[in-house]
Amino acid sequence: MDKKLFAQLAESMTQMNQIVHGKRAPSRSFRLEPVDIKKLRAKLGLSQPQFAALLHVDVGTLRNWEQGRRQPTGPARALITAINKDPVHVLSALAA
C-alpha cells in the first residue's frame, strides 16, 4: 500500500475516534427530517395493512413507526421518502 495513502487512512481513523469521544467536532453532519408516516398513509387513503404490504413490512413494524416507538431505516426509509416526495409515480412503479 502507498505510504501516503496509509498515512491519510490512519489520520482519518484518529479523527473518527476523536469525534466519537467528543474531543473533536465533525466537519459535517447530516440530518434527515422524519416523515410523519401516519399522515402520509392517511393522505394516500391506505389502511395500515395496505401500507405495510406496499412497503413489505409487518403491520406491527408500521404501527411502531406511526406511534414513534421506532424509526424506519435503510431501504424502508428511502422508499417512504420517495413516496412522500412523489406519490403518484412511486405508487405507480410499485403497482407495476
PDB file of N, CA and C in Angstrom:
ATOM      1  N   MET A   1       0.854  -1.182   0.000  1.00  0.00           N
ATOM      2  CA  MET A   1       0.000   0.000   0.000  1.00  0.00           C
ATOM      3  C   MET A   1       0.893   1.237   0.000  1.00  0.00           C
ATOM      4  N   ASP A   2       0.446   2.244  -0.692  1.00  0.00           N
ATOM      5  CA  ASP A   2       1.142   3.521  -0.759  1.00  0.00           C
ATOM      6  C   ASP A   2       1.245   4.126   0.643  1.00  0.00           C
ATOM      7  N   LYS A   3       2.460   4.545   1.050  1.00  0.00           N
ATOM      8  CA  LYS A   3       2.673   5.078   2.395  1.00  0.00           C
ATOM      9  C   LYS A   3       1.852   6.342   2.645  1.00  0.00           C
ATOM     10  N   LYS A   4       1.726   7.185   1.640  1.00  0.00           N
ATOM     11  CA  LYS A   4       0.958   8.426   1.794  1.00  0.00           C
ATOM     12  C   LYS A   4      -0.529   8.101   2.010  1.00  0.00           C
ATOM     13  N   LEU A   5      -1.038   7.176   1.230  1.00  0.00           N
ATOM     14  CA  LEU A   5      -2.439   6.765   1.359  1.00  0.00           C
ATOM     15  C   LEU A   5      -2.689   6.139   2.733  1.00  0.00           C
ATOM     16  N   PHE A   6      -1.747   5.303   3.182  1.00  0.00           N
ATOM     17  CA  PHE A   6      -1.886   4.685   4.501  1.00  0.00           C
ATOM     18  C   PHE A   6      -1.883   5.739   5.609  1.00  0.00           C
ATOM     19  N   ALA A   7      -1.029   6.740   5.480  1.00  0.00           N
ATOM     20  CA  ALA A   7      -0.966   7.815   6.479  1.00  0.00           C
ATOM     21  C   ALA A   7      -2.289   8.580   6.531  1.00  0.00           C
ATOM     22  N   GLN A   8      -2.885   8.831   5.373  1.00  0.00           N
ATOM     23  CA  GLN A   8      -4.184   9.519   5.320  1.00  0.00           C
ATOM     24  C   GLN A   8      -5.265   8.666   5.980  1.00  0.00           C
ATOM     25  N   LEU A   9      -5.230   7.383   5.725  1.00  0.00           N
ATOM     26  CA  LEU A   9      -6.200   6.472   6.319  1.00  0.00           C
ATOM     27  C   LEU A   9      -6.046   6.432   7.837  1.00  0.00           C
ATOM     28  N   ALA A  10      -4.829   6.341   8.306  1.00  0.00           N
ATOM     29  CA  ALA A  10      -4.572   6.314   9.746  1.00  0.00           C
ATOM     30  C   ALA A  10      -5.024   7.621  10.399  1.00  0.00           C
ATOM     31  N   GLU A  11      -4.767   8.747   9.751  1.00  0.00           N
ATOM     32  CA  GLU A  11      -5.198  10.055  10.278  1.00  0.00           C
ATOM     33  C   GLU A  11      -6.718  10.133  10.352  1.00  0.00           C
ATOM     34  N   SER A  12      -7.409   9.620   9.327  1.00  0.00           N
ATOM     35  CA  SER A  12      -8.872   9.670   9.339  1.00  0.00           C
ATOM     36  C   SER A  12      -9.440   8.802  10.464  1.00  0.00           C
ATOM     37  N   MET A  13      -8.783   7.691  10.770  1.00  0.00           N
ATOM     38  CA  MET A  13      -9.246   6.846  11.877  1.00  0.00           C
ATOM     39  C   MET A  13      -9.029   7.555  13.213  1.00  0.00           C
ATOM     40  N   THR A  14      -7.923   8.256  13.339  1.00  0.00           N
ATOM     41  CA  THR A  14      -7.655   9.027  14.548  1.00  0.00           C
ATOM     42  C   THR A  14      -8.708  10.110  14.724  1.00  0.00           C
ATOM     43  N   GLN A  15      -9.034  10.806  13.635  1.00  0.00           N
ATOM     44  CA  GLN A  15     -10.056  11.855  13.685  1.00  0.00           C
ATOM     45  C   GLN A  15     -11.414  11.269  14.055  1.00  0.00           C
ATOM     46  N   MET A  16     -11.742  10.094  13.501  1.00  0.00           N
ATOM     47  CA  MET A  16     -13.017   9.460  13.815  1.00  0.00           C
ATOM     48  C   MET A  16     -13.110   9.152  15.308  1.00  0.00           C
ATOM     49  N   ASN A  17     -12.049   8.615  15.868  1.00  0.00           N
ATOM     50  CA  ASN A  17     -12.046   8.317  17.297  1.00  0.00           C
ATOM     51  C   ASN A  17     -12.200   9.587  18.128  1.00  0.00           C
ATOM     52  N   GLN A  18     -11.582  10.672  17.707  1.00  0.00           N
ATOM     53  CA  GLN A  18     -11.717  11.940  18.425  1.00  0.00           C
ATOM     54  C   GLN A  18     -13.164  12.432  18.371  1.00  0.00           C
ATOM     55  N   ILE A  19     -13.805  12.285  17.230  1.00  0.00           N
ATOM     56  CA  ILE A  19     -15.210  12.701  17.086  1.00  0.00           C
ATOM     57  C   ILE A  19     -16.100  11.846  17.977  1.00  0.00           C
ATOM     58  N   VAL A  20     -15.887  10.530  17.953  1.00  0.00           N
ATOM     59  CA  VAL A  20     -16.701   9.614  18.753  1.00  0.00           C
ATOM     60  C   VAL A  20     -16.585   9.929  20.241  1.00  0.00           C
ATOM     61  N   HIS A  21     -15.404  10.303  20.688  1.00  0.00           N
ATOM     62  CA  HIS A  21     -15.173  10.581  22.099  1.00  0.00           C
ATOM     63  C   HIS A  21     -15.418  12.043  22.477  1.00  0.00           C
ATOM     64  N   GLY A  22     -15.936  12.829  21.536  1.00  0.00           N
ATOM     65  CA  GLY A  22     -16.295  14.212  21.831  1.00  0.00           C
ATOM     66  C   GLY A  22     -15.114  15.165  21.929  1.00  0.00           C
ATOM     67  N   LYS A  23     -13.963  14.765  21.452  1.00  0.00           N
ATOM     68  CA  LYS A  23     -12.772  15.615  21.517  1.00  0.00           C
ATOM     69  C   LYS A  23     -12.615  16.480  20.262  1.00  0.00           C
ATOM     70  N   ARG A  24     -13.437  16.224  19.283  1.00  0.00           N
ATOM     71  CA  ARG A  24     -13.360  16.942  18.012  1.00  0.00           C
ATOM     72  C   ARG A  24     -14.768  17.022  17.426  1.00  0.00           C
ATOM     73  N   ALA A  25     -15.079  18.145  16.802  1.00  0.00           N
ATOM     74  CA  ALA A  25     -16.381  18.290  16.148  1.00  0.00           C
ATOM     75  C   ALA A  25     -16.300  17.708  14.734  1.00  0.00           C
ATOM     76  N   PRO A  26     -17.363  17.054  14.286  1.00  0.00           N
ATOM     77  CA  PRO A  26     -17.345  16.545  12.912  1.00  0.00           C
ATOM     78  C   PRO A  26     -17.308  17.700  11.916  1.00  0.00           C
ATOM     79  N   SER A  27     -16.700  17.464  10.767  1.00  0.00           N
ATOM     80  CA  SER A  27     -16.607  18.515   9.753  1.00  0.00           C
ATOM     81  C   SER A  27     -17.961  18.788   9.108  1.00  0.00           C
ATOM     82  N   ARG A  28     -18.828  17.795   9.124  1.00  0.00           N
ATOM     83  CA  ARG A  28     -20.184  17.978   8.599  1.00  0.00           C
ATOM     84  C   ARG A  28     -21.088  16.932   9.237  1.00  0.00           C
ATOM     85  N   SER A  29     -22.356  17.222   9.233  1.00  0.00           N
ATOM     86  CA  SER A  29     -23.315  16.255   9.756  1.00  0.00           C
ATOM     87  C   SER A  29     -24.542  16.263   8.861  1.00  0.00           C
ATOM     88  N   PHE A  30     -25.257  15.180   8.886  1.00  0.00           N
ATOM     89  CA  PHE A  30     -26.434  15.024   8.048  1.00  0.00           C
ATOM     90  C   PHE A  30     -27.638  14.827   8.954  1.00  0.00           C
ATOM     91  N   ARG A  31     -28.661  15.601   8.698  1.00  0.00           N
ATOM     92  CA  ARG A  31     -29.884  15.474   9.484  1.00  0.00           C
ATOM     93  C   ARG A  31     -31.021  15.183   8.529  1.00  0.00           C
ATOM     94  N   LEU A  32     -31.672  14.073   8.740  1.00  0.00           N
ATOM     95  CA  LEU A  32     -32.822  13.697   7.927  1.00  0.00           C
ATOM     96  C   LEU A  32     -34.082  13.996   8.710  1.00  0.00           C
ATOM     97  N   GLU A  33     -34.979  14.728   8.092  1.00  0.00           N
ATOM     98  CA  GLU A  33     -36.248  15.057   8.742  1.00  0.00           C
ATOM     99  C   GLU A  33     -37.147  13.828   8.739  1.00  0.00           C
ATOM    100  N   PRO A  34     -37.718  13.509   9.879  1.00  0.00           N
ATOM    101  CA  PRO A  34     -38.601  12.353   9.916  1.00  0.00           C
ATOM    102  C   PRO A  34     -39.902  12.638   9.160  1.00  0.00           C
ATOM    103  N   VAL A  35     -40.372  11.633   8.476  1.00  0.00           N
ATOM    104  CA  VAL A  35     -41.636  11.734   7.755  1.00  0.00           C
ATOM    105  C   VAL A  35     -42.735  11.297   8.708  1.00  0.00           C
ATOM    106  N   ASP A  36     -43.824  12.043   8.749  1.00  0.00           N
ATOM    107  CA  ASP A  36     -44.959  11.620   9.573  1.00  0.00           C
ATOM    108  C   ASP A  36     -45.686  10.533   8.793  1.00  0.00           C
ATOM    109  N   ILE A  37     -45.384   9.311   9.129  1.00  0.00           N
ATOM    110  CA  ILE A  37     -45.864   8.156   8.371  1.00  0.00           C
ATOM    111  C   ILE A  37     -47.376   8.021   8.442  1.00  0.00           C
ATOM    112  N   LYS A  38     -47.949   8.303   9.588  1.00  0.00           N
ATOM    113  CA  LYS A  38     -49.399   8.182   9.725  1.00  0.00           C
ATOM    114  C   LYS A  38     -50.107   9.182   8.803  1.00  0.00           C
ATOM    115  N   LYS A  39     -49.608  10.422   8.749  1.00  0.00           N
ATOM    116  CA  LYS A  39     -50.206  11.429   7.865  1.00  0.00           C
ATOM    117  C   LYS A  39     -50.035  11.042   6.404  1.00  0.00           C
ATOM    118  N   LEU A  40     -48.862  10.516   6.063  1.00  0.00           N
ATOM    119  CA  LEU A  40     -48.617  10.088   4.689  1.00  0.00           C
ATOM    120  C   LEU A  40     -49.578   8.966   4.304  1.00  0.00           C
ATOM    121  N   ARG A  41     -49.736   8.001   5.187  1.00  0.00           N
ATOM    122  CA  ARG A  41     -50.647   6.883   4.918  1.00  0.00           C
ATOM    123  C   ARG A  41     -52.077   7.378   4.747  1.00  0.00           C
ATOM    124  N   ALA A  42     -52.492   8.321   5.607  1.00  0.00           N
ATOM    125  CA  ALA A  42     -53.851   8.874   5.515  1.00  0.00           C
ATOM    126  C   ALA A  42     -54.028   9.642   4.209  1.00  0.00           C
ATOM    127  N   LYS A  43     -52.993  10.392   3.816  1.00  0.00           N
ATOM    128  CA  LYS A  43     -53.047  11.159   2.565  1.00  0.00           C
ATOM    129  C   LYS A  43     -53.226  10.228   1.363  1.00  0.00           C
ATOM    130  N   LEU A  44     -52.629   9.045   1.462  1.00  0.00           N
ATOM    131  CA  LEU A  44     -52.741   8.072   0.379  1.00  0.00           C
ATOM    132  C   LEU A  44     -54.046   7.290   0.436  1.00  0.00           C
ATOM    133  N   GLY A  45     -54.752   7.382   1.568  1.00  0.00           N
ATOM    134  CA  GLY A  45     -56.015   6.665   1.725  1.00  0.00           C
ATOM    135  C   GLY A  45     -55.829   5.166   1.904  1.00  0.00           C
ATOM    136  N   LEU A  46     -54.726   4.775   2.532  1.00  0.00           N
ATOM    137  CA  LEU A  46     -54.438   3.358   2.723  1.00  0.00           C
ATOM    138  C   LEU A  46     -54.596   2.972   4.188  1.00  0.00           C
ATOM    139  N   SER A  47     -55.046   1.750   4.403  1.00  0.00           N
ATOM    140  CA  SER A  47     -55.130   1.211   5.764  1.00  0.00           C
ATOM    141  C   SER A  47     -53.722   0.798   6.192  1.00  0.00           C
ATOM    142  N   GLN A  48     -53.560   0.517   7.474  1.00  0.00           N
ATOM    143  CA  GLN A  48     -52.260   0.043   7.946  1.00  0.00           C
ATOM    144  C   GLN A  48     -51.834  -1.245   7.237  1.00  0.00           C
ATOM    145  N   PRO A  49     -52.708  -2.247   7.105  1.00  0.00           N
ATOM    146  CA  PRO A  49     -52.289  -3.467   6.389  1.00  0.00           C
ATOM    147  C   PRO A  49     -51.916  -3.202   4.926  1.00  0.00           C
ATOM    148  N   GLN A  50     -52.660  -2.309   4.265  1.00  0.00           N
ATOM    149  CA  GLN A  50     -52.343  -1.998   2.871  1.00  0.00           C
ATOM    150  C   GLN A  50     -50.987  -1.308   2.745  1.00  0.00           C
ATOM    151  N   PHE A  51     -50.734  -0.314   3.614  1.00  0.00           N
ATOM    152  CA  PHE A  51     -49.481   0.429   3.540  1.00  0.00           C
ATOM    153  C   PHE A  51     -48.308  -0.473   3.933  1.00  0.00           C
ATOM    154  N   ALA A  52     -48.506  -1.317   4.928  1.00  0.00           N
ATOM    155  CA  ALA A  52     -47.456  -2.252   5.333  1.00  0.00           C
ATOM    156  C   ALA A  52     -47.119  -3.214   4.187  1.00  0.00           C
ATOM    157  N   ALA A  53     -48.142  -3.688   3.495  1.00  0.00           N
ATOM    158  CA  ALA A  53     -47.914  -4.591   2.352  1.00  0.00           C
ATOM    159  C   ALA A  53     -47.167  -3.871   1.238  1.00  0.00           C
ATOM    160  N   LEU A  54     -47.526  -2.613   1.009  1.00  0.00           N
ATOM    161  CA  LEU A  54     -46.851  -1.820  -0.020  1.00  0.00           C
ATOM    162  C   LEU A  54     -45.358  -1.689   0.283  1.00  0.00           C
ATOM    163  N   LEU A  55     -45.035  -1.503   1.563  1.00  0.00           N
ATOM    164  CA  LEU A  55     -43.641  -1.328   1.980  1.00  0.00           C
ATOM    165  C   LEU A  55     -42.929  -2.658   2.246  1.00  0.00           C
ATOM    166  N   HIS A  56     -43.696  -3.762   2.203  1.00  0.00           N
ATOM    167  CA  HIS A  56     -43.163  -5.096   2.502  1.00  0.00           C
ATOM    168  C   HIS A  56     -42.610  -5.166   3.925  1.00  0.00           C
ATOM    169  N   VAL A  57     -43.395  -4.626   4.865  1.00  0.00           N
ATOM    170  CA  VAL A  57     -43.038  -4.713   6.287  1.00  0.00           C
ATOM    171  C   VAL A  57     -44.227  -5.271   7.046  1.00  0.00           C
ATOM    172  N   ASP A  58     -43.977  -5.749   8.233  1.00  0.00           N
ATOM    173  CA  ASP A  58     -45.022  -6.266   9.100  1.00  0.00           C
ATOM    174  C   ASP A  58     -45.897  -5.104   9.594  1.00  0.00           C
ATOM    175  N   VAL A  59     -47.182  -5.350   9.779  1.00  0.00           N
ATOM    176  CA  VAL A  59     -48.094  -4.320  10.274  1.00  0.00           C
ATOM    177  C   VAL A  59     -47.627  -3.803  11.636  1.00  0.00           C
ATOM    178  N   GLY A  60     -47.092  -4.692  12.471  1.00  0.00           N
ATOM    179  CA  GLY A  60     -46.575  -4.281  13.776  1.00  0.00           C
ATOM    180  C   GLY A  60     -45.426  -3.288  13.644  1.00  0.00           C
ATOM    181  N   THR A  61     -44.592  -3.493  12.645  1.00  0.00           N
ATOM    182  CA  THR A  61     -43.491  -2.565  12.386  1.00  0.00           C
ATOM    183  C   THR A  61     -44.037  -1.202  12.006  1.00  0.00           C
ATOM    184  N   LEU A  62     -45.030  -1.186  11.119  1.00  0.00           N
ATOM    185  CA  LEU A  62     -45.648   0.076  10.715  1.00  0.00           C
ATOM    186  C   LEU A  62     -46.272   0.783  11.912  1.00  0.00           C
ATOM    187  N   ARG A  63     -46.943   0.040  12.766  1.00  0.00           N
ATOM    188  CA  ARG A  63     -47.546   0.641  13.965  1.00  0.00           C
ATOM    189  C   ARG A  63     -46.480   1.254  14.865  1.00  0.00           C
ATOM    190  N   ASN A  64     -45.373   0.560  15.032  1.00  0.00           N
ATOM    191  CA  ASN A  64     -44.280   1.104  15.843  1.00  0.00           C
ATOM    192  C   ASN A  64     -43.758   2.410  15.255  1.00  0.00           C
ATOM    193  N   TRP A  65     -43.663   2.494  13.933  1.00  0.00           N
ATOM    194  CA  TRP A  65     -43.220   3.732  13.286  1.00  0.00           C
ATOM    195  C   TRP A  65     -44.231   4.843  13.538  1.00  0.00           C
ATOM    196  N   GLU A  66     -45.506   4.524  13.319  1.00  0.00           N
ATOM    197  CA  GLU A  66     -46.549   5.548  13.464  1.00  0.00           C
ATOM    198  C   GLU A  66     -46.668   6.048  14.897  1.00  0.00           C
ATOM    199  N   GLN A  67     -46.398   5.191  15.862  1.00  0.00           N
ATOM    200  CA  GLN A  67     -46.525   5.573  17.265  1.00  0.00           C
ATOM    201  C   GLN A  67     -45.221   6.117  17.838  1.00  0.00           C
ATOM    202  N   GLY A  68     -44.200   6.236  17.003  1.00  0.00           N
ATOM    203  CA  GLY A  68     -42.944   6.838  17.425  1.00  0.00           C
ATOM    204  C   GLY A  68     -42.044   5.954  18.264  1.00  0.00           C
ATOM    205  N   ARG A  69     -42.368   4.677  18.358  1.00  0.00           N
ATOM    206  CA  ARG A  69     -41.515   3.775  19.142  1.00  0.00           C
ATOM    207  C   ARG A  69     -40.257   3.381  18.375  1.00  0.00           C
ATOM    208  N   ARG A  70     -40.352   3.405  17.058  1.00  0.00           N
ATOM    209  CA  ARG A  70     -39.221   3.058  16.188  1.00  0.00           C
ATOM    210  C   ARG A  70     -39.220   4.005  15.001  1.00  0.00           C
ATOM    211  N   GLN A  71     -38.105   4.043  14.288  1.00  0.00           N
ATOM    212  CA  GLN A  71     -37.988   4.837  13.077  1.00  0.00           C
ATOM    213  C   GLN A  71     -37.578   3.912  11.938  1.00  0.00           C
ATOM    214  N   PRO A  72     -38.144   4.117  10.758  1.00  0.00           N
ATOM    215  CA  PRO A  72     -37.712   3.299   9.626  1.00  0.00           C
ATOM    216  C   PRO A  72     -36.259   3.617   9.289  1.00  0.00           C
ATOM    217  N   THR A  73     -35.551   2.615   8.821  1.00  0.00           N
ATOM    218  CA  THR A  73     -34.161   2.791   8.431  1.00  0.00           C
ATOM    219  C   THR A  73     -33.929   2.176   7.061  1.00  0.00           C
ATOM    220  N   GLY A  74     -32.815   2.473   6.489  1.00  0.00           N
ATOM    221  CA  GLY A  74     -32.371   1.852   5.246  1.00  0.00           C
ATOM    222  C   GLY A  74     -33.359   1.988   4.107  1.00  0.00           C
ATOM    223  N   PRO A  75     -33.597   0.889   3.399  1.00  0.00           N
ATOM    224  CA  PRO A  75     -34.469   0.922   2.233  1.00  0.00           C
ATOM    225  C   PRO A  75     -35.893   1.375   2.548  1.00  0.00           C
ATOM    226  N   ALA A  76     -36.414   1.011   3.717  1.00  0.00           N
ATOM    227  CA  ALA A  76     -37.775   1.428   4.078  1.00  0.00           C
ATOM    228  C   ALA A  76     -37.845   2.944   4.195  1.00  0.00           C
ATOM    229  N   ARG A  77     -36.849   3.534   4.807  1.00  0.00           N
ATOM    230  CA  ARG A  77     -36.818   4.992   4.950  1.00  0.00           C
ATOM    231  C   ARG A  77     -36.721   5.664   3.574  1.00  0.00           C
ATOM    232  N   ALA A  78     -35.892   5.109   2.704  1.00  0.00           N
ATOM    233  CA  ALA A  78     -35.739   5.663   1.357  1.00  0.00           C
ATOM    234  C   ALA A  78     -37.052   5.562   0.587  1.00  0.00           C
ATOM    235  N   LEU A  79     -37.728   4.430   0.695  1.00  0.00           N
ATOM    236  CA  LEU A  79     -38.994   4.244  -0.010  1.00  0.00           C
ATOM    237  C   LEU A  79     -40.068   5.190   0.515  1.00  0.00           C
ATOM    238  N   ILE A  80     -40.143   5.362   1.818  1.00  0.00           N
ATOM    239  CA  ILE A  80     -41.119   6.279   2.409  1.00  0.00           C
ATOM    240  C   ILE A  80     -40.839   7.711   1.969  1.00  0.00           C
ATOM    241  N   THR A  81     -39.572   8.087   1.932  1.00  0.00           N
ATOM    242  CA  THR A  81     -39.194   9.428   1.470  1.00  0.00           C
ATOM    243  C   THR A  81     -39.603   9.625   0.018  1.00  0.00           C
ATOM    244  N   ALA A  82     -39.362   8.617  -0.811  1.00  0.00           N
ATOM    245  CA  ALA A  82     -39.736   8.705  -2.228  1.00  0.00           C
ATOM    246  C   ALA A  82     -41.252   8.820  -2.385  1.00  0.00           C
ATOM    247  N   ILE A  83     -41.997   8.025  -1.632  1.00  0.00           N
ATOM    248  CA  ILE A  83     -43.463   8.092  -1.694  1.00  0.00           C
ATOM    249  C   ILE A  83     -43.941   9.472  -1.258  1.00  0.00           C
ATOM    250  N   ASN A  84     -43.333  10.006  -0.224  1.00  0.00           N
ATOM    251  CA  ASN A  84     -43.718  11.325   0.291  1.00  0.00           C
ATOM    252  C   ASN A  84     -43.464  12.424  -0.740  1.00  0.00           C
ATOM    253  N   LYS A  85     -42.362  12.330  -1.486  1.00  0.00           N
ATOM    254  CA  LYS A  85     -41.999  13.383  -2.442  1.00  0.00           C
ATOM    255  C   LYS A  85     -42.730  13.262  -3.776  1.00  0.00           C
ATOM    256  N   ASP A  86     -43.025  12.039  -4.198  1.00  0.00           N
ATOM    257  CA  ASP A  86     -43.686  11.843  -5.494  1.00  0.00           C
ATOM    258  C   ASP A  86     -44.583  10.613  -5.442  1.00  0.00           C
ATOM    259  N   PRO A  87     -45.701  10.713  -4.706  1.00  0.00           N
ATOM    260  CA  PRO A  87     -46.545   9.535  -4.507  1.00  0.00           C
ATOM    261  C   PRO A  87     -47.120   8.944  -5.792  1.00  0.00           C
ATOM    262  N   VAL A  88     -47.475   9.790  -6.738  1.00  0.00           N
ATOM    263  CA  VAL A  88     -48.100   9.289  -7.963  1.00  0.00           C
ATOM    264  C   VAL A  88     -47.178   8.346  -8.703  1.00  0.00           C
ATOM    265  N   HIS A  89     -45.962   8.775  -8.957  1.00  0.00           N
ATOM    266  CA  HIS A  89     -45.046   7.960  -9.745  1.00  0.00           C
ATOM    267  C   HIS A  89     -44.498   6.762  -8.961  1.00  0.00           C
ATOM    268  N   VAL A  90     -44.206   6.952  -7.692  1.00  0.00           N
ATOM    269  CA  VAL A  90     -43.664   5.842  -6.900  1.00  0.00           C
ATOM    270  C   VAL A  90     -44.710   4.761  -6.720  1.00  0.00           C
ATOM    271  N   LEU A  91     -45.947   5.139  -6.387  1.00  0.00           N
ATOM    272  CA  LEU A  91     -47.003   4.132  -6.232  1.00  0.00           C
ATOM    273  C   LEU A  91     -47.303   3.442  -7.547  1.00  0.00           C
ATOM    274  N   SER A  92     -47.237   4.185  -8.641  1.00  0.00           N
ATOM    275  CA  SER A  92     -47.433   3.602  -9.963  1.00  0.00           C
ATOM    276  C   SER A  92     -46.337   2.566 -10.261  1.00  0.00           C
ATOM    277  N   ALA A  93     -45.110   2.910  -9.924  1.00  0.00           N
ATOM    278  CA  ALA A  93     -43.994   1.990 -10.166  1.00  0.00           C
ATOM    279  C   ALA A  93     -44.112   0.748  -9.282  1.00  0.00           C
ATOM    280  N   LEU A  94     -44.565   0.928  -8.050  1.00  0.00           N
ATOM    281  CA  LEU A  94     -44.710  -0.209  -7.154  1.00  0.00           C
ATOM    282  C   LEU A  94     -45.849  -1.132  -7.566  1.00  0.00           C
ATOM    283  N   ALA A  95     -46.876  -0.567  -8.184  1.00  0.00           N
ATOM    284  CA  ALA A  95     -48.029  -1.372  -8.610  1.00  0.00           C
ATOM    285  C   ALA A  95     -47.736  -2.190  -9.850  1.00  0.00           C
ATOM    286  N   ALA A  96     -46.760  -1.756 -10.620  1.00  0.00           N
ATOM    287  CA  ALA A  96     -46.439  -2.442 -11.893  1.00  0.00           C
ATOM    288  C   ALA A  96     -45.793  -3.782 -11.681  1.00  0.00           C
TER     289      ALA A  96
END
